């Protein structure tokens, strides 16, 4: 699983990255680590995400 995870993360821009957990990618913009969840949610809301 670690190798697949590494390939998936490096595939979006072709370079190796330092990855935090969790890792979220929204429209190619990476958000690494738990402290970025609120920022990722804000970005999704900017793109039209609505709470259900």
N, C-alpha and C. Protein backbone atom coordinates (compact mmCIF):
# COMPACT_ATOMS: atom_id res chain seq x y z
N UNK A 1 0.82 -1.19 0.00
CA UNK A 1 0.00 0.00 0.00
C UNK A 1 0.87 1.26 0.00
N UNK A 2 1.98 1.28 0.71
CA UNK A 2 2.83 2.45 0.74
C UNK A 2 3.33 2.85 -0.63
N UNK A 3 3.72 1.89 -1.45
CA UNK A 3 4.22 2.18 -2.79
C UNK A 3 3.11 2.77 -3.67
N UNK A 4 1.91 2.20 -3.61
CA UNK A 4 0.79 2.74 -4.38
C UNK A 4 0.49 4.16 -3.94
N UNK A 5 0.50 4.39 -2.65
CA UNK A 5 0.23 5.72 -2.12
C UNK A 5 1.27 6.73 -2.63
N UNK A 6 2.54 6.35 -2.62
CA UNK A 6 3.61 7.23 -3.11
C UNK A 6 3.41 7.53 -4.59
N UNK A 7 3.09 6.53 -5.39
CA UNK A 7 2.88 6.74 -6.83
C UNK A 7 1.70 7.67 -7.07
N UNK A 8 0.65 7.49 -6.33
CA UNK A 8 -0.54 8.32 -6.50
C UNK A 8 -0.24 9.78 -6.19
N UNK A 9 0.47 10.04 -5.10
CA UNK A 9 0.78 11.41 -4.70
C UNK A 9 1.72 12.07 -5.69
N UNK A 10 2.76 11.36 -6.16
CA UNK A 10 3.72 11.97 -7.07
C UNK A 10 3.17 12.10 -8.48
N UNK A 11 2.11 11.40 -8.80
CA UNK A 11 1.58 11.44 -10.17
C UNK A 11 0.95 12.78 -10.51
N UNK A 12 0.41 13.51 -9.52
CA UNK A 12 -0.32 14.72 -9.89
C UNK A 12 0.57 15.86 -10.35
N UNK A 13 1.86 15.85 -10.00
CA UNK A 13 2.71 16.91 -10.55
C UNK A 13 4.09 16.40 -11.00
N UNK A 14 4.33 15.11 -10.87
CA UNK A 14 5.56 14.53 -11.38
C UNK A 14 6.78 14.70 -10.51
N UNK A 15 6.64 15.22 -9.30
CA UNK A 15 7.78 15.37 -8.40
C UNK A 15 7.48 14.68 -7.09
N UNK A 16 8.53 14.35 -6.36
CA UNK A 16 8.33 13.77 -5.04
C UNK A 16 7.95 14.86 -4.06
N UNK A 17 7.06 14.54 -3.14
CA UNK A 17 6.57 15.51 -2.19
C UNK A 17 6.68 14.98 -0.77
N UNK A 18 6.82 15.86 0.20
CA UNK A 18 6.68 15.49 1.59
C UNK A 18 5.19 15.44 1.88
N UNK A 19 4.71 14.33 2.36
CA UNK A 19 3.27 14.14 2.51
C UNK A 19 2.91 14.01 3.98
N UNK A 20 1.90 14.77 4.39
CA UNK A 20 1.35 14.64 5.73
C UNK A 20 0.13 13.75 5.69
N UNK A 21 -0.38 13.42 6.85
CA UNK A 21 -1.57 12.59 6.93
C UNK A 21 -2.60 13.38 7.69
N UNK A 22 -3.79 13.57 7.22
CA UNK A 22 -4.27 13.15 5.89
C UNK A 22 -3.76 14.08 4.79
N UNK A 23 -3.84 13.59 3.56
CA UNK A 23 -3.49 14.39 2.39
C UNK A 23 -4.75 14.54 1.54
N UNK A 24 -5.12 15.77 1.24
CA UNK A 24 -6.27 16.05 0.39
C UNK A 24 -5.77 16.83 -0.81
N UNK A 25 -6.30 16.51 -2.00
CA UNK A 25 -5.95 17.25 -3.21
C UNK A 25 -7.26 17.72 -3.84
N UNK A 26 -7.39 19.02 -3.98
CA UNK A 26 -8.61 19.60 -4.56
C UNK A 26 -8.20 20.38 -5.80
N UNK A 27 -8.65 19.92 -6.94
CA UNK A 27 -8.29 20.52 -8.22
C UNK A 27 -6.78 20.72 -8.36
N UNK A 28 -6.02 19.71 -7.95
CA UNK A 28 -4.57 19.74 -8.08
C UNK A 28 -3.85 20.49 -6.98
N UNK A 29 -4.57 21.10 -6.05
CA UNK A 29 -3.95 21.84 -4.94
C UNK A 29 -3.86 20.92 -3.72
N UNK A 30 -2.65 20.59 -3.27
CA UNK A 30 -2.51 19.66 -2.14
C UNK A 30 -2.66 20.37 -0.79
N UNK A 31 -3.29 19.66 0.14
CA UNK A 31 -3.44 20.10 1.53
C UNK A 31 -2.90 18.95 2.38
N UNK A 32 -1.78 19.17 3.08
CA UNK A 32 -1.11 18.13 3.84
C UNK A 32 -1.32 18.32 5.34
N UNK A 33 -1.81 17.29 5.98
CA UNK A 33 -1.90 17.27 7.44
C UNK A 33 -3.23 17.74 8.00
N UNK A 34 -3.47 17.31 9.23
CA UNK A 34 -4.73 17.59 9.91
C UNK A 34 -4.99 19.08 10.08
N UNK A 35 -3.94 19.87 10.23
CA UNK A 35 -4.13 21.30 10.43
C UNK A 35 -4.60 22.02 9.18
N UNK A 36 -4.66 21.34 8.03
CA UNK A 36 -5.11 21.96 6.78
C UNK A 36 -6.53 21.55 6.38
N UNK A 37 -7.20 20.74 7.21
CA UNK A 37 -8.56 20.29 6.87
C UNK A 37 -9.51 21.48 6.75
N UNK A 38 -9.45 22.42 7.68
CA UNK A 38 -10.35 23.59 7.61
C UNK A 38 -10.08 24.41 6.36
N UNK A 39 -8.81 24.55 5.98
CA UNK A 39 -8.48 25.28 4.76
C UNK A 39 -9.00 24.55 3.52
N UNK A 40 -8.89 23.22 3.51
CA UNK A 40 -9.40 22.43 2.39
C UNK A 40 -10.93 22.56 2.31
N UNK A 41 -11.60 22.54 3.45
CA UNK A 41 -13.05 22.72 3.47
C UNK A 41 -13.42 24.10 2.92
N UNK A 42 -12.69 25.13 3.32
CA UNK A 42 -12.93 26.48 2.82
C UNK A 42 -12.78 26.52 1.29
N UNK A 43 -11.72 25.85 0.77
CA UNK A 43 -11.49 25.83 -0.68
C UNK A 43 -12.65 25.11 -1.39
N UNK A 44 -13.12 23.99 -0.82
CA UNK A 44 -14.25 23.27 -1.43
C UNK A 44 -15.51 24.12 -1.43
N UNK A 45 -15.73 24.87 -0.35
CA UNK A 45 -16.90 25.76 -0.29
C UNK A 45 -16.80 26.85 -1.34
N UNK A 46 -15.59 27.36 -1.60
CA UNK A 46 -15.39 28.35 -2.66
C UNK A 46 -15.79 27.78 -4.02
N UNK A 47 -15.62 26.47 -4.18
CA UNK A 47 -15.92 25.81 -5.44
C UNK A 47 -17.35 25.30 -5.51
N UNK A 48 -18.18 25.63 -4.52
CA UNK A 48 -19.59 25.32 -4.59
C UNK A 48 -20.07 24.17 -3.72
N UNK A 49 -19.21 23.59 -2.86
CA UNK A 49 -19.63 22.53 -1.98
C UNK A 49 -20.67 23.08 -1.00
N UNK A 50 -21.76 22.35 -0.82
CA UNK A 50 -22.78 22.75 0.14
C UNK A 50 -22.94 21.65 1.19
N UNK A 51 -23.18 22.06 2.42
CA UNK A 51 -23.36 21.10 3.51
C UNK A 51 -24.71 20.42 3.37
N UNK A 52 -24.72 19.10 3.60
CA UNK A 52 -26.01 18.40 3.55
C UNK A 52 -26.53 18.10 4.91
